[in-house]
Amino acid sequence: MTKLEQIEKSVSELSPEEFDRFSAWFEALQAERWDRDLAEDAANGTLDELGELALAKFRNNRTRPL
């Protein structure tokens, strides 16, 4: 059994209360990783081209209100 299969089995056996705690922890972990990855992308310039494209469209009135 792989590590992932073991985790899946363990999660499926959690009580409702344990599952809620696990879910909250996992969502927080995902958010933390998302924030870290976004910060890294911003710092290393990965998002610069997208930002410039968005600004160019805005300057040329090629956007719409949300």
N, C-alpha and C. Protein backbone atom coordinates (compact mmCIF):
# COMPACT_ATOMS: atom_id res chain seq x y z
N MET A 1 0.86 -1.18 0.00
CA MET A 1 0.00 0.00 0.00
C MET A 1 0.90 1.23 0.00
N THR A 2 0.58 2.17 -0.89
CA THR A 2 1.37 3.39 -0.97
C THR A 2 1.06 4.31 0.21
N LYS A 3 1.90 5.28 0.38
CA LYS A 3 1.68 6.27 1.45
C LYS A 3 0.35 6.99 1.25
N LEU A 4 0.07 7.36 0.00
CA LEU A 4 -1.19 8.04 -0.28
C LEU A 4 -2.39 7.15 0.02
N GLU A 5 -2.31 5.90 -0.34
CA GLU A 5 -3.40 4.97 -0.04
C GLU A 5 -3.61 4.83 1.46
N GLN A 6 -2.52 4.82 2.22
CA GLN A 6 -2.62 4.75 3.68
C GLN A 6 -3.32 6.00 4.23
N ILE A 7 -2.95 7.15 3.69
CA ILE A 7 -3.58 8.40 4.14
C ILE A 7 -5.06 8.39 3.80
N GLU A 8 -5.39 8.00 2.58
CA GLU A 8 -6.80 7.94 2.17
C GLU A 8 -7.60 7.02 3.08
N LYS A 9 -7.02 5.86 3.40
CA LYS A 9 -7.70 4.91 4.28
C LYS A 9 -7.91 5.53 5.66
N SER A 10 -6.88 6.14 6.19
CA SER A 10 -6.96 6.75 7.51
C SER A 10 -8.00 7.87 7.55
N VAL A 11 -8.01 8.70 6.52
CA VAL A 11 -8.97 9.80 6.48
C VAL A 11 -10.39 9.26 6.39
N SER A 12 -10.59 8.24 5.61
CA SER A 12 -11.94 7.69 5.47
C SER A 12 -12.46 7.07 6.76
N GLU A 13 -11.57 6.76 7.67
CA GLU A 13 -11.96 6.14 8.94
C GLU A 13 -12.11 7.14 10.08
N LEU A 14 -11.91 8.42 9.83
CA LEU A 14 -12.03 9.43 10.88
C LEU A 14 -13.48 9.60 11.30
N SER A 15 -13.66 9.92 12.56
CA SER A 15 -14.99 10.27 13.05
C SER A 15 -15.38 11.61 12.44
N PRO A 16 -16.65 11.96 12.47
CA PRO A 16 -17.05 13.28 11.93
C PRO A 16 -16.28 14.44 12.57
N GLU A 17 -16.07 14.39 13.87
CA GLU A 17 -15.34 15.47 14.55
C GLU A 17 -13.88 15.50 14.11
N GLU A 18 -13.26 14.33 14.00
CA GLU A 18 -11.87 14.28 13.55
C GLU A 18 -11.76 14.74 12.10
N PHE A 19 -12.74 14.35 11.29
CA PHE A 19 -12.73 14.77 9.90
C PHE A 19 -12.83 16.29 9.77
N ASP A 20 -13.67 16.91 10.59
CA ASP A 20 -13.79 18.36 10.58
C ASP A 20 -12.47 19.02 10.95
N ARG A 21 -11.80 18.48 11.98
CA ARG A 21 -10.50 19.03 12.38
C ARG A 21 -9.47 18.84 11.28
N PHE A 22 -9.47 17.65 10.68
CA PHE A 22 -8.54 17.37 9.58
C PHE A 22 -8.79 18.32 8.42
N SER A 23 -10.07 18.50 8.06
CA SER A 23 -10.42 19.37 6.94
C SER A 23 -9.94 20.79 7.18
N ALA A 24 -10.14 21.29 8.38
CA ALA A 24 -9.70 22.65 8.71
C ALA A 24 -8.19 22.76 8.60
N TRP A 25 -7.49 21.77 9.11
CA TRP A 25 -6.03 21.76 9.04
C TRP A 25 -5.57 21.73 7.59
N PHE A 26 -6.20 20.86 6.78
CA PHE A 26 -5.78 20.70 5.39
C PHE A 26 -6.05 21.97 4.59
N GLU A 27 -7.19 22.62 4.82
CA GLU A 27 -7.49 23.87 4.13
C GLU A 27 -6.48 24.95 4.49
N ALA A 28 -6.09 25.00 5.76
CA ALA A 28 -5.08 25.98 6.19
C ALA A 28 -3.74 25.69 5.52
N LEU A 29 -3.39 24.42 5.41
CA LEU A 29 -2.14 24.03 4.74
C LEU A 29 -2.16 24.43 3.27
N GLN A 30 -3.28 24.18 2.60
CA GLN A 30 -3.40 24.57 1.19
C GLN A 30 -3.27 26.09 1.03
N ALA A 31 -3.91 26.84 1.89
CA ALA A 31 -3.84 28.30 1.83
C ALA A 31 -2.41 28.79 2.06
N GLU A 32 -1.73 28.18 3.01
CA GLU A 32 -0.34 28.55 3.30
C GLU A 32 0.55 28.30 2.09
N ARG A 33 0.39 27.15 1.46
CA ARG A 33 1.20 26.81 0.28
C ARG A 33 0.87 27.74 -0.89
N TRP A 34 -0.42 28.05 -1.07
CA TRP A 34 -0.83 28.96 -2.13
C TRP A 34 -0.18 30.33 -1.92
N ASP A 35 -0.26 30.84 -0.70
CA ASP A 35 0.33 32.14 -0.38
C ASP A 35 1.83 32.14 -0.63
N ARG A 36 2.51 31.07 -0.20
CA ARG A 36 3.96 30.98 -0.39
C ARG A 36 4.31 30.94 -1.88
N ASP A 37 3.58 30.12 -2.64
CA ASP A 37 3.85 30.03 -4.08
C ASP A 37 3.59 31.36 -4.78
N LEU A 38 2.52 32.04 -4.41
CA LEU A 38 2.20 33.33 -5.01
C LEU A 38 3.27 34.36 -4.69
N ALA A 39 3.73 34.37 -3.44
CA ALA A 39 4.79 35.30 -3.04
C ALA A 39 6.08 35.01 -3.81
N GLU A 40 6.41 33.74 -3.99
CA GLU A 40 7.61 33.38 -4.76
C GLU A 40 7.47 33.82 -6.21
N ASP A 41 6.29 33.58 -6.81
CA ASP A 41 6.07 33.99 -8.19
C ASP A 41 6.18 35.50 -8.35
N ALA A 42 5.64 36.23 -7.39
CA ALA A 42 5.73 37.69 -7.43
C ALA A 42 7.17 38.15 -7.28
N ALA A 43 7.90 37.53 -6.39
CA ALA A 43 9.28 37.93 -6.13
C ALA A 43 10.21 37.63 -7.30
N ASN A 44 9.97 36.51 -8.00
CA ASN A 44 10.90 36.15 -9.09
C ASN A 44 10.45 36.66 -10.45
N GLY A 45 9.36 37.45 -10.49
CA GLY A 45 8.95 38.09 -11.73
C GLY A 45 8.03 37.26 -12.61
N THR A 46 7.63 36.10 -12.16
CA THR A 46 6.77 35.23 -12.96
C THR A 46 5.46 35.91 -13.35
N LEU A 47 4.96 36.77 -12.49
CA LEU A 47 3.66 37.41 -12.73
C LEU A 47 3.76 38.75 -13.45
N ASP A 48 4.98 39.22 -13.70
CA ASP A 48 5.16 40.55 -14.29
C ASP A 48 4.46 40.68 -15.64
N GLU A 49 4.61 39.70 -16.50
CA GLU A 49 4.02 39.78 -17.84
C GLU A 49 2.49 39.85 -17.75
N LEU A 50 1.91 39.06 -16.87
CA LEU A 50 0.46 39.10 -16.70
C LEU A 50 0.00 40.45 -16.16
N GLY A 51 0.76 40.99 -15.23
CA GLY A 51 0.44 42.30 -14.67
C GLY A 51 0.49 43.39 -15.73
N GLU A 52 1.52 43.36 -16.55
CA GLU A 52 1.65 44.35 -17.62
C GLU A 52 0.52 44.22 -18.64
N LEU A 53 0.13 43.00 -18.96
CA LEU A 53 -0.97 42.79 -19.89
C LEU A 53 -2.28 43.36 -19.32
N ALA A 54 -2.52 43.10 -18.05
CA ALA A 54 -3.74 43.62 -17.41
C ALA A 54 -3.73 45.15 -17.38
N LEU A 55 -2.60 45.74 -17.06
CA LEU A 55 -2.51 47.21 -17.04
C LEU A 55 -2.69 47.79 -18.44
N ALA A 56 -2.13 47.15 -19.45
CA ALA A 56 -2.28 47.65 -20.82
C ALA A 56 -3.74 47.60 -21.24
N LYS A 57 -4.43 46.53 -20.91
CA LYS A 57 -5.86 46.45 -21.24
C LYS A 57 -6.65 47.52 -20.50
N PHE A 58 -6.31 47.75 -19.25
CA PHE A 58 -6.99 48.79 -18.47
C PHE A 58 -6.76 50.16 -19.09
N ARG A 59 -5.53 50.46 -19.44
CA ARG A 59 -5.19 51.77 -20.02
C ARG A 59 -5.89 51.99 -21.35
N ASN A 60 -6.15 50.89 -22.07
CA ASN A 60 -6.79 51.00 -23.38
C ASN A 60 -8.30 50.79 -23.31
N ASN A 61 -8.84 50.89 -22.09
CA ASN A 61 -10.29 50.72 -21.86
C ASN A 61 -10.82 49.40 -22.40
N ARG A 62 -10.04 48.37 -22.25
CA ARG A 62 -10.46 47.05 -22.70
C ARG A 62 -10.82 46.15 -21.51
N THR A 63 -11.30 46.77 -20.44
CA THR A 63 -11.73 46.03 -19.26
C THR A 63 -13.18 46.39 -18.97
N ARG A 64 -13.76 45.64 -18.06
CA ARG A 64 -15.14 45.93 -17.63
C ARG A 64 -15.21 45.81 -16.13
N PRO A 65 -16.16 46.53 -15.52
CA PRO A 65 -16.29 46.47 -14.07
C PRO A 65 -16.66 45.06 -13.62
N LEU A 66 -16.21 44.72 -12.45
CA LEU A 66 -16.57 43.40 -11.90
C LEU A 66 -17.94 43.44 -11.28
